[in-house]
N, C-alpha and C. Protein backbone atom coordinates (compact mmCIF):
# COMPACT_ATOMS: atom_id res chain seq x y z
N MET A 1 -96.97 15.91 -48.53
CA MET A 1 -95.97 14.90 -47.93
C MET A 1 -96.19 13.53 -48.14
N LYS A 2 -94.84 13.17 -48.02
CA LYS A 2 -94.60 11.56 -48.44
C LYS A 2 -94.36 11.02 -47.34
N ILE A 3 -94.58 9.71 -46.87
CA ILE A 3 -94.22 8.96 -45.92
C ILE A 3 -93.84 7.70 -46.63
N ARG A 4 -92.72 7.10 -46.12
CA ARG A 4 -92.17 5.77 -46.99
C ARG A 4 -91.53 4.97 -45.35
N TRP A 5 -92.25 3.78 -45.48
CA TRP A 5 -91.75 2.86 -44.37
C TRP A 5 -90.45 2.23 -44.61
N LEU A 6 -89.22 2.33 -43.58
CA LEU A 6 -88.22 1.78 -44.19
C LEU A 6 -87.47 0.46 -43.41
N GLY A 7 -88.73 0.31 -42.31
CA GLY A 7 -88.46 -1.00 -41.74
C GLY A 7 -88.37 -0.73 -39.73
N HIS A 8 -89.06 -1.71 -39.25
CA HIS A 8 -89.12 -1.78 -37.87
C HIS A 8 -90.15 -0.44 -37.61
N ALA A 9 -89.82 0.76 -36.85
CA ALA A 9 -90.38 1.69 -36.42
C ALA A 9 -89.89 2.81 -37.44
N CYS A 10 -89.01 2.46 -38.31
CA CYS A 10 -88.51 3.79 -38.91
C CYS A 10 -89.07 4.26 -40.43
N PHE A 11 -89.53 5.43 -40.22
CA PHE A 11 -90.15 5.91 -41.62
C PHE A 11 -89.22 6.98 -42.03
N LEU A 12 -89.43 7.43 -43.35
CA LEU A 12 -88.75 8.89 -43.83
C LEU A 12 -90.05 9.72 -44.28
N ILE A 13 -90.17 10.64 -43.54
CA ILE A 13 -91.02 11.45 -43.87
C ILE A 13 -90.83 12.80 -44.70
N THR A 14 -91.12 12.95 -45.80
CA THR A 14 -90.61 14.44 -46.66
C THR A 14 -91.97 15.33 -46.62
N SER A 15 -91.59 16.38 -46.35
CA SER A 15 -92.89 17.52 -46.20
C SER A 15 -92.73 17.97 -47.99
N SER A 16 -93.88 18.76 -48.08
CA SER A 16 -94.07 19.27 -49.26
C SER A 16 -92.89 20.18 -49.94
N ASP A 17 -92.02 20.83 -48.61
CA ASP A 17 -91.02 21.76 -48.79
C ASP A 17 -89.88 20.99 -48.83
N GLY A 18 -89.78 19.85 -49.16
CA GLY A 18 -88.56 18.96 -49.10
C GLY A 18 -87.71 18.82 -47.77
N VAL A 19 -88.39 19.05 -46.70
CA VAL A 19 -87.72 18.36 -45.28
C VAL A 19 -87.95 17.08 -44.98
N ARG A 20 -86.76 16.68 -44.80
CA ARG A 20 -87.01 15.01 -44.63
C ARG A 20 -86.49 14.97 -43.24
N VAL A 21 -87.55 14.09 -42.54
CA VAL A 21 -87.62 13.76 -41.41
C VAL A 21 -87.40 11.95 -41.32
N ILE A 22 -86.17 11.42 -40.24
CA ILE A 22 -86.50 9.66 -40.26
C ILE A 22 -86.65 9.79 -38.83
N THR A 23 -87.44 9.04 -38.40
CA THR A 23 -88.05 8.39 -37.35
C THR A 23 -87.70 7.00 -36.90
N ASP A 24 -87.21 7.08 -35.62
CA ASP A 24 -86.36 5.67 -34.94
C ASP A 24 -85.58 4.84 -36.18
N PRO A 25 -84.09 5.38 -36.48
CA PRO A 25 -83.37 4.77 -37.12
C PRO A 25 -82.97 3.33 -36.58
N TYR A 26 -82.89 2.36 -37.33
CA TYR A 26 -82.49 0.83 -36.16
C TYR A 26 -80.89 0.55 -36.63
N VAL A 27 -80.55 -0.35 -35.68
CA VAL A 27 -79.20 -1.27 -36.30
C VAL A 27 -79.58 -2.51 -36.55
N VAL A 28 -78.97 -2.96 -37.73
CA VAL A 28 -79.36 -4.30 -38.33
C VAL A 28 -78.73 -5.53 -37.66
N GLY A 29 -79.53 -6.34 -37.16
CA GLY A 29 -78.78 -7.63 -36.43
C GLY A 29 -79.70 -7.67 -35.12
N GLY A 30 -79.57 -8.66 -34.46
CA GLY A 30 -80.02 -8.74 -32.92
C GLY A 30 -81.49 -8.85 -33.07
N GLY A 31 -82.33 -9.46 -34.22
CA GLY A 31 -83.67 -9.78 -34.84
C GLY A 31 -84.06 -8.70 -35.80
N ILE A 32 -83.23 -7.87 -36.15
CA ILE A 32 -83.65 -6.90 -36.98
C ILE A 32 -83.10 -7.17 -38.17
N GLU A 33 -83.76 -7.50 -39.25
CA GLU A 33 -83.27 -8.03 -40.90
C GLU A 33 -83.85 -7.13 -41.56
N TYR A 34 -84.11 -5.92 -41.47
CA TYR A 34 -84.23 -5.05 -42.69
C TYR A 34 -83.04 -4.57 -43.12
N SER A 35 -83.29 -3.76 -44.33
CA SER A 35 -82.04 -3.32 -44.99
C SER A 35 -81.33 -2.01 -44.13
N PRO A 36 -80.14 -1.65 -44.04
CA PRO A 36 -80.02 -0.84 -43.31
C PRO A 36 -80.40 0.57 -43.83
N VAL A 37 -80.37 1.51 -42.89
CA VAL A 37 -80.95 2.89 -43.32
C VAL A 37 -80.11 3.53 -43.92
N ARG A 38 -79.96 4.06 -45.18
CA ARG A 38 -79.06 4.72 -45.91
C ARG A 38 -79.71 6.11 -46.85
N GLU A 39 -80.52 6.50 -45.68
CA GLU A 39 -80.99 8.04 -46.20
C GLU A 39 -80.44 9.25 -45.64
N THR A 40 -80.71 10.14 -46.34
CA THR A 40 -80.25 11.29 -45.97
C THR A 40 -81.64 12.35 -45.10
N ALA A 41 -81.01 12.77 -44.11
CA ALA A 41 -82.53 13.66 -43.36
C ALA A 41 -81.98 15.11 -43.08
N ASP A 42 -82.76 15.92 -42.42
CA ASP A 42 -82.55 16.79 -42.17
C ASP A 42 -82.91 16.81 -40.47
N ILE A 43 -83.74 15.96 -40.15
CA ILE A 43 -84.32 15.92 -38.67
C ILE A 43 -84.15 14.46 -38.82
N VAL A 44 -83.86 13.93 -37.29
CA VAL A 44 -83.98 12.66 -36.80
C VAL A 44 -84.74 12.54 -35.86
N ALA A 45 -85.78 11.99 -35.63
CA ALA A 45 -86.81 11.97 -34.33
C ALA A 45 -86.25 10.48 -33.83
N VAL A 46 -85.79 10.63 -32.49
CA VAL A 46 -85.78 9.07 -31.80
C VAL A 46 -86.59 9.07 -30.80
N SER A 47 -87.33 8.04 -30.52
CA SER A 47 -88.52 7.86 -29.38
C SER A 47 -87.64 7.60 -28.23
N HIS A 48 -86.92 6.55 -28.01
CA HIS A 48 -86.12 6.70 -27.28
C HIS A 48 -84.74 5.70 -27.01
N ASP A 49 -83.95 5.76 -26.29
CA ASP A 49 -82.65 5.15 -26.30
C ASP A 49 -82.37 3.46 -26.43
N HIS A 50 -83.04 3.01 -27.31
CA HIS A 50 -82.81 1.28 -27.47
C HIS A 50 -82.15 1.52 -29.07
N SER A 51 -81.08 0.52 -29.34
CA SER A 51 -80.68 0.57 -30.58
C SER A 51 -81.99 0.38 -31.71
N ASP A 52 -82.86 -0.32 -31.45
CA ASP A 52 -83.52 -0.54 -32.49
C ASP A 52 -84.56 0.81 -33.07
N HIS A 53 -84.22 1.79 -32.26
CA HIS A 53 -84.82 3.38 -32.47
C HIS A 53 -84.00 4.28 -32.22
N SER A 54 -82.35 4.10 -32.29
CA SER A 54 -81.65 5.24 -31.92
C SER A 54 -80.28 5.43 -32.95
N ASN A 55 -80.06 4.34 -33.85
CA ASN A 55 -79.17 4.70 -34.62
C ASN A 55 -78.98 5.69 -35.40
N VAL A 56 -78.75 7.05 -34.94
CA VAL A 56 -78.80 7.95 -35.77
C VAL A 56 -77.34 8.10 -36.38
N SER A 57 -76.23 7.47 -36.15
CA SER A 57 -75.05 7.46 -37.15
C SER A 57 -75.52 6.66 -38.31
N ALA A 58 -76.55 6.01 -38.69
CA ALA A 58 -76.78 5.45 -39.97
C ALA A 58 -77.69 6.31 -40.93
N VAL A 59 -77.87 7.42 -40.47
CA VAL A 59 -78.54 8.55 -41.47
C VAL A 59 -77.48 9.44 -41.82
N GLN A 60 -77.95 9.79 -42.95
CA GLN A 60 -76.48 10.67 -43.95
C GLN A 60 -76.70 11.87 -43.62
N GLY A 61 -75.90 12.72 -43.78
CA GLY A 61 -75.97 14.21 -43.65
C GLY A 61 -75.70 14.49 -42.59
N LYS A 62 -76.37 15.79 -42.12
CA LYS A 62 -76.11 16.35 -40.69
C LYS A 62 -77.22 17.06 -39.97
N PRO A 63 -78.21 15.96 -39.71
CA PRO A 63 -79.31 16.15 -39.31
C PRO A 63 -79.54 16.75 -37.89
N GLU A 64 -80.41 17.45 -37.54
CA GLU A 64 -80.66 17.74 -36.27
C GLU A 64 -81.46 16.60 -35.67
N VAL A 65 -81.00 16.47 -34.22
CA VAL A 65 -81.50 15.09 -33.71
C VAL A 65 -82.50 15.51 -32.51
N VAL A 66 -83.67 14.89 -32.59
CA VAL A 66 -84.18 15.20 -31.48
C VAL A 66 -85.05 14.46 -30.77
N LYS A 67 -84.80 13.97 -29.43
CA LYS A 67 -85.20 12.67 -28.68
C LYS A 67 -86.27 12.94 -28.03
N GLY A 68 -86.85 11.92 -27.76
CA GLY A 68 -88.32 11.48 -27.08
C GLY A 68 -88.12 12.57 -25.97
N GLY A 69 -89.17 13.34 -25.55
CA GLY A 69 -89.21 13.91 -24.15
C GLY A 69 -88.64 15.21 -24.16
N GLU A 70 -88.19 15.55 -25.29
CA GLU A 70 -87.40 17.16 -25.37
C GLU A 70 -88.57 17.71 -26.14
N GLN A 71 -88.36 19.17 -25.75
CA GLN A 71 -89.24 20.28 -26.03
C GLN A 71 -89.14 20.25 -27.68
N GLY A 72 -90.25 20.35 -28.34
CA GLY A 72 -90.26 20.72 -29.90
C GLY A 72 -90.74 19.48 -30.36
N LEU A 73 -90.40 18.24 -29.84
CA LEU A 73 -90.94 17.11 -30.50
C LEU A 73 -92.33 16.66 -30.34
N PRO A 74 -93.04 16.54 -31.32
CA PRO A 74 -94.41 16.39 -31.59
C PRO A 74 -95.00 15.41 -30.24
N GLU A 75 -95.86 15.56 -29.47
CA GLU A 75 -96.49 14.57 -28.29
C GLU A 75 -96.52 13.43 -29.08
N ALA A 76 -97.05 13.13 -30.21
CA ALA A 76 -97.08 11.45 -30.36
C ALA A 76 -95.91 11.02 -30.44
N LEU A 77 -94.71 11.48 -30.65
CA LEU A 77 -93.24 10.66 -30.46
C LEU A 77 -92.81 10.99 -29.38
N SER A 78 -93.22 11.93 -28.14
CA SER A 78 -92.59 12.15 -27.04
C SER A 78 -92.98 11.38 -25.98
N SER A 79 -93.82 10.40 -26.22
CA SER A 79 -94.54 9.42 -24.85
C SER A 79 -93.49 8.40 -24.38
N GLY A 80 -92.20 8.40 -24.83
CA GLY A 80 -91.41 7.63 -24.30
C GLY A 80 -91.34 6.30 -24.97
N ALA A 81 -92.42 6.03 -25.66
CA ALA A 81 -92.46 4.95 -27.03
C ALA A 81 -92.86 5.24 -28.15
N SER A 82 -92.55 5.01 -29.42
CA SER A 82 -92.94 5.46 -30.98
C SER A 82 -94.40 5.04 -30.78
N PRO A 83 -95.37 5.65 -31.02
CA PRO A 83 -96.78 4.71 -31.43
C PRO A 83 -96.09 4.14 -32.78
N LEU A 84 -95.32 4.23 -33.74
CA LEU A 84 -95.29 3.25 -34.66
C LEU A 84 -94.81 1.99 -34.30
N SER A 85 -93.90 2.22 -33.20
CA SER A 85 -93.49 1.12 -32.66
C SER A 85 -94.53 -0.37 -32.06
N THR A 86 -95.54 0.57 -32.02
CA THR A 86 -96.56 -0.56 -31.46
C THR A 86 -97.69 -1.20 -32.41
N MET A 87 -97.45 -0.74 -33.63
CA MET A 87 -98.37 -1.22 -34.56
C MET A 87 -97.69 -2.84 -34.73
N PRO A 88 -98.74 -3.40 -35.37
CA PRO A 88 -98.60 -4.72 -35.46
C PRO A 88 -97.95 -5.44 -36.83
N LEU A 89 -96.39 -5.23 -36.75
CA LEU A 89 -95.91 -5.37 -37.98
C LEU A 89 -95.55 -6.91 -38.34
N ARG A 90 -95.60 -7.59 -37.02
CA ARG A 90 -95.44 -9.14 -37.44
C ARG A 90 -96.70 -9.67 -36.78
N ALA A 91 -96.99 -10.86 -37.57
CA ALA A 91 -98.12 -11.55 -36.85
C ALA A 91 -97.77 -12.58 -35.49
N ASN A 92 -96.33 -12.87 -35.49
CA ASN A 92 -96.08 -13.25 -34.32
C ASN A 92 -96.24 -12.33 -32.99
N ARG A 93 -96.38 -11.06 -33.07
CA ARG A 93 -96.34 -10.28 -32.36
C ARG A 93 -97.82 -10.22 -31.55
N GLY A 94 -98.83 -10.68 -31.90
CA GLY A 94 -100.13 -10.85 -31.60
C GLY A 94 -101.06 -9.68 -31.82
N GLU A 95 -101.83 -9.33 -31.39
CA GLU A 95 -102.71 -8.12 -31.80
C GLU A 95 -102.77 -7.04 -30.86
N LEU A 96 -102.15 -5.74 -31.38
CA LEU A 96 -101.81 -4.66 -30.83
C LEU A 96 -102.46 -3.54 -31.24
N THR A 97 -102.62 -2.69 -30.16
CA THR A 97 -103.31 -1.39 -30.71
C THR A 97 -102.46 -0.22 -30.50
N PRO A 98 -102.66 0.36 -31.90
CA PRO A 98 -101.68 1.43 -32.01
C PRO A 98 -102.00 2.54 -31.37
N SER A 99 -101.24 3.56 -30.85
CA SER A 99 -101.52 5.00 -30.01
C SER A 99 -102.30 5.84 -31.30
N SER A 100 -103.24 6.38 -30.60
CA SER A 100 -103.95 7.51 -31.44
C SER A 100 -102.77 8.59 -31.51
N VAL A 101 -102.99 9.20 -32.69
CA VAL A 101 -102.18 10.64 -33.26
C VAL A 101 -102.98 11.65 -33.60
N SER A 102 -102.98 12.60 -33.12
CA SER A 102 -103.77 13.84 -33.41
C SER A 102 -102.81 15.05 -33.90
N PRO A 103 -103.51 15.63 -34.95
CA PRO A 103 -102.67 16.68 -35.65
C PRO A 103 -102.52 18.00 -34.70
């Protein structure tokens, strides 16, 4: 498995079988200054319906979209807020404690 951070709470996860999952694709602007998401994926996991986590149209291909709270989404991503979005990515956000993720 390969995991690549794309920006904000957006990651590209590629399984050993080649299945590509993108989490929480964002809209550039409004404080988000990362490069646009320009990846192809088989699945897009959206933790919640805010533009900085739900820009599914940025993802190339015809991915299956799974939204937080829907059956089949791993519990770690279905709690209403992505555990990835709680990580301290910027020093000015203060000290934050990431959610625990269990297999």
